[in-house]
Amino acid sequence: MTSKTTTTNSIPKPLVTTNQSVIVATIVISVLTNFYWLLLLPILAGLSGIILQKNFVILFAKRFLKKKPSEYLQEDKADLRFNQVIATSFLTLSLVAWLTGHGILAIVFAVIVFTAASVALSGFCVGCWIRFQFNQWKYRQTLKKS
């Protein structure tokens, strides 16, 4: 979800876009070269973001912002975290599938993330939509209980 409001719970959109671009690029290179070890870059960046709240791809890209971070459109950190968990999980499954000799499965998991990240770069966040639907479902469940 994009907004102009800046809080500590948001991140500048160009940083999110950079992270998505790195994911897409590493998947393309990994699949085309059959060098799936390259997926460790977005996997480790994702894990550092999830566990330490310090995604090193985003931290590196932050150096290149031309304006103050607050002057950019903002993305919700909770959405980014949700998406990062999904992407990191699927990329890890892709790497494990490749390491265990399941090349087709490795490609399938990588393509799922590639598709979601590419669509997000085009303007529609699939993960954000899934998270929204899940939150709506949880809310409806609480209404049923009361």
Protein backbone atom coordinates (compact mmCIF):
# COMPACT_ATOMS: atom_id res chain seq x y z
CA MET A 1 0.00 0.00 0.00
CA THR A 2 1.51 3.33 -1.05
CA SER A 3 0.99 6.65 0.71
CA LYS A 4 2.59 10.08 1.06
CA THR A 5 2.45 9.93 4.87
CA THR A 6 5.80 9.22 6.49
CA THR A 7 6.04 7.25 9.70
CA THR A 8 8.53 4.88 11.22
CA ASN A 9 6.28 2.13 9.88
CA SER A 10 6.94 3.03 6.27
CA ILE A 11 9.76 2.85 3.78
CA PRO A 12 10.41 4.93 0.64
CA LYS A 13 9.01 3.27 -2.48
CA PRO A 14 12.29 3.51 -4.46
CA LEU A 15 13.93 1.28 -1.84
CA VAL A 16 11.16 -1.31 -2.14
CA THR A 17 11.45 -1.13 -5.93
CA THR A 18 15.21 -1.68 -5.72
CA ASN A 19 14.70 -4.72 -3.53
CA GLN A 20 12.13 -6.14 -5.97
CA SER A 21 14.47 -5.45 -8.90
CA VAL A 22 17.33 -7.29 -7.20
CA ILE A 23 15.03 -10.26 -6.61
CA VAL A 24 13.90 -10.31 -10.25
CA ALA A 25 17.45 -9.93 -11.59
CA THR A 26 18.93 -12.67 -9.40
CA ILE A 27 16.13 -15.07 -10.33
CA VAL A 28 16.63 -14.43 -14.06
CA ILE A 29 20.40 -14.87 -13.82
CA SER A 30 20.07 -17.95 -11.57
CA VAL A 31 17.63 -19.75 -13.85
CA LEU A 32 19.40 -18.81 -17.10
CA THR A 33 22.85 -19.80 -15.82
CA ASN A 34 21.68 -22.68 -13.62
CA PHE A 35 23.72 -21.04 -10.83
CA TYR A 36 21.14 -21.12 -8.05
CA TRP A 37 23.68 -20.14 -5.39
CA LEU A 38 23.05 -16.58 -6.56
CA LEU A 39 19.64 -16.82 -4.88
CA LEU A 40 21.51 -16.51 -1.60
CA LEU A 41 21.69 -12.75 -2.23
CA PRO A 42 17.91 -12.13 -1.96
CA ILE A 43 17.52 -14.95 0.58
CA LEU A 44 20.10 -13.45 2.95
CA ALA A 45 18.81 -9.91 2.33
CA GLY A 46 15.31 -11.13 3.10
CA LEU A 47 16.39 -12.98 6.23
CA SER A 48 18.31 -9.95 7.48
CA GLY A 49 15.21 -7.83 6.90
CA ILE A 50 12.90 -10.31 8.59
CA ILE A 51 15.10 -11.11 11.59
CA LEU A 52 17.09 -7.90 12.10
CA GLN A 53 14.79 -5.40 10.33
CA LYS A 54 17.90 -4.46 8.29
CA ASN A 55 17.64 -5.64 4.68
CA PHE A 56 21.14 -4.96 3.32
CA VAL A 57 19.89 -4.39 -0.24
CA ILE A 58 17.59 -1.64 1.04
CA LEU A 59 20.30 -0.20 3.29
CA PHE A 60 22.72 -0.07 0.36
CA ALA A 61 20.13 1.50 -1.96
CA LYS A 62 19.28 4.13 0.66
CA ARG A 63 22.67 5.74 -0.02
CA PHE A 64 21.52 6.63 -3.52
CA LEU A 65 18.30 8.45 -2.65
CA LYS A 66 18.46 11.96 -4.05
CA LYS A 67 15.88 13.39 -1.63
CA LYS A 68 15.15 12.87 2.03
CA PRO A 69 13.43 9.51 2.57
CA SER A 70 10.32 11.30 3.84
CA GLU A 71 9.89 13.08 0.47
CA TYR A 72 9.16 9.85 -1.43
CA LEU A 73 5.95 7.87 -1.66
CA GLN A 74 5.96 5.44 1.24
CA GLU A 75 5.28 1.70 1.45
CA ASP A 76 3.99 0.00 4.57
CA LYS A 77 6.75 -1.91 6.40
CA ALA A 78 4.27 -4.59 7.51
CA ASP A 79 3.38 -5.27 3.86
CA LEU A 80 7.07 -5.40 2.96
CA ARG A 81 7.77 -7.80 5.83
CA PHE A 82 4.87 -10.07 4.82
CA ASN A 83 6.04 -10.11 1.20
CA GLN A 84 9.64 -10.67 2.27
CA VAL A 85 8.68 -13.72 4.33
CA ILE A 86 6.87 -15.24 1.35
CA ALA A 87 9.60 -14.40 -1.17
CA THR A 88 12.42 -15.58 1.10
CA SER A 89 10.57 -18.83 1.84
CA PHE A 90 9.93 -19.60 -1.83
CA LEU A 91 13.47 -18.66 -2.87
CA THR A 92 14.84 -20.90 -0.13
CA LEU A 93 12.61 -23.72 -1.38
CA SER A 94 13.93 -23.05 -4.88
CA LEU A 95 17.55 -23.28 -3.74
CA VAL A 96 16.88 -26.44 -1.70
CA ALA A 97 15.07 -28.02 -4.66
CA TRP A 98 18.03 -27.24 -6.91
CA LEU A 99 20.53 -28.60 -4.35
CA THR A 100 18.56 -31.84 -4.06
CA GLY A 101 18.36 -32.35 -7.82
CA HIS A 102 14.78 -31.20 -8.38
CA GLY A 103 15.45 -28.66 -11.12
CA ILE A 104 11.85 -28.29 -12.30
CA LEU A 105 10.66 -27.64 -8.76
CA ALA A 106 13.48 -25.11 -8.31
CA ILE A 107 12.29 -23.26 -11.39
CA VAL A 108 8.63 -23.39 -10.28
CA PHE A 109 9.40 -21.80 -6.90
CA ALA A 110 11.66 -19.20 -8.52
CA VAL A 111 9.04 -18.34 -11.15
CA ILE A 112 6.39 -17.80 -8.47
CA VAL A 113 8.58 -15.17 -6.81
CA PHE A 114 9.67 -13.74 -10.16
CA THR A 115 6.03 -13.31 -11.20
CA ALA A 116 4.98 -11.67 -7.93
CA ALA A 117 7.98 -9.31 -7.90
CA SER A 118 7.53 -8.43 -11.58
CA VAL A 119 3.85 -7.70 -11.08
CA ALA A 120 4.74 -5.58 -8.04
CA LEU A 121 7.21 -3.62 -10.16
CA SER A 122 4.33 -3.03 -12.57
CA GLY A 123 2.25 -1.53 -9.79
CA PHE A 124 0.13 -4.29 -8.24
CA CYS A 125 1.36 -5.91 -5.04
CA VAL A 126 0.08 -9.49 -4.97
CA GLY A 127 1.44 -10.05 -1.47
CA CYS A 128 -0.26 -6.89 -0.19
CA TRP A 129 -3.55 -8.10 -1.67
CA ILE A 130 -3.10 -11.53 -0.04
CA ARG A 131 -2.29 -9.90 3.31
CA PHE A 132 -5.33 -7.63 3.01
CA GLN A 133 -7.60 -10.59 2.23
CA PHE A 134 -6.14 -12.55 5.15
CA ASN A 135 -6.70 -9.62 7.53
CA GLN A 136 -10.27 -9.27 6.26
CA TRP A 137 -10.84 -12.98 6.88
CA LYS A 138 -9.44 -12.68 10.43
CA TYR A 139 -11.70 -9.69 11.08
CA ARG A 140 -14.77 -11.59 9.83
CA GLN A 141 -13.86 -14.47 12.11
CA THR A 142 -13.84 -12.14 15.13
CA LEU A 143 -17.28 -10.84 14.12
CA LYS A 144 -18.65 -14.37 13.97
CA LYS A 145 -17.37 -15.07 17.50
CA SER A 146 -19.00 -12.00 19.02
